[in-house]
Amino acid sequence: MSTAGRRWIRRLARCGPLLPLGATGLLVLKGLHPGLPGLSCPLRALTGIPCPTCYLTRATAASLVGRFDDAVVLHAFGPVVAAGLVVWSLAALRTGRLVPRVLRGRHLVLVGVLLLLYWAGRMGLTYGIGLQAFPLS
């Protein structure tokens, strides 16, 4: 690798811990101004079927600005993800590490399984029973 490449990687490593803070700040801004543009779910755009994380960004943004009722209607994991982002931001700033030492692969697998179970329940309610489990927007 070239010297310029190594320098760029060192700079990125120093700035890495600011990533969670930037993401949290962006979501706070989105929570304060919901009309700001954002990215939509490609799966839902192509098929009309929401993915396991559909509405999670809006729910997290609403949670970060204290609108927990709106957040839970959008996605039950919104307040949990908001709390996790705040903790991650503080830990990254304190330790200077982007990825906390306590985070293991099994934690990510557990979160993935919980998201899939929640999504399967919402899909079953919406498409199986006919109850509206996803927001209309």
Foldseek 3Di string as FASTA:
>chain_A
DDPVVVVVVVVCLQCLLCVLVVLLVVLLVCLVPVPDDDDADPVCVVPVQDDLCHLLSVLLSVLSNPNNVVSVLAPVCNVVVNVVSVVQSVVCVVPVGNDDPPDDPVVVVVVVVVSVVRSVVQCCVCVVVNHHSHDPD
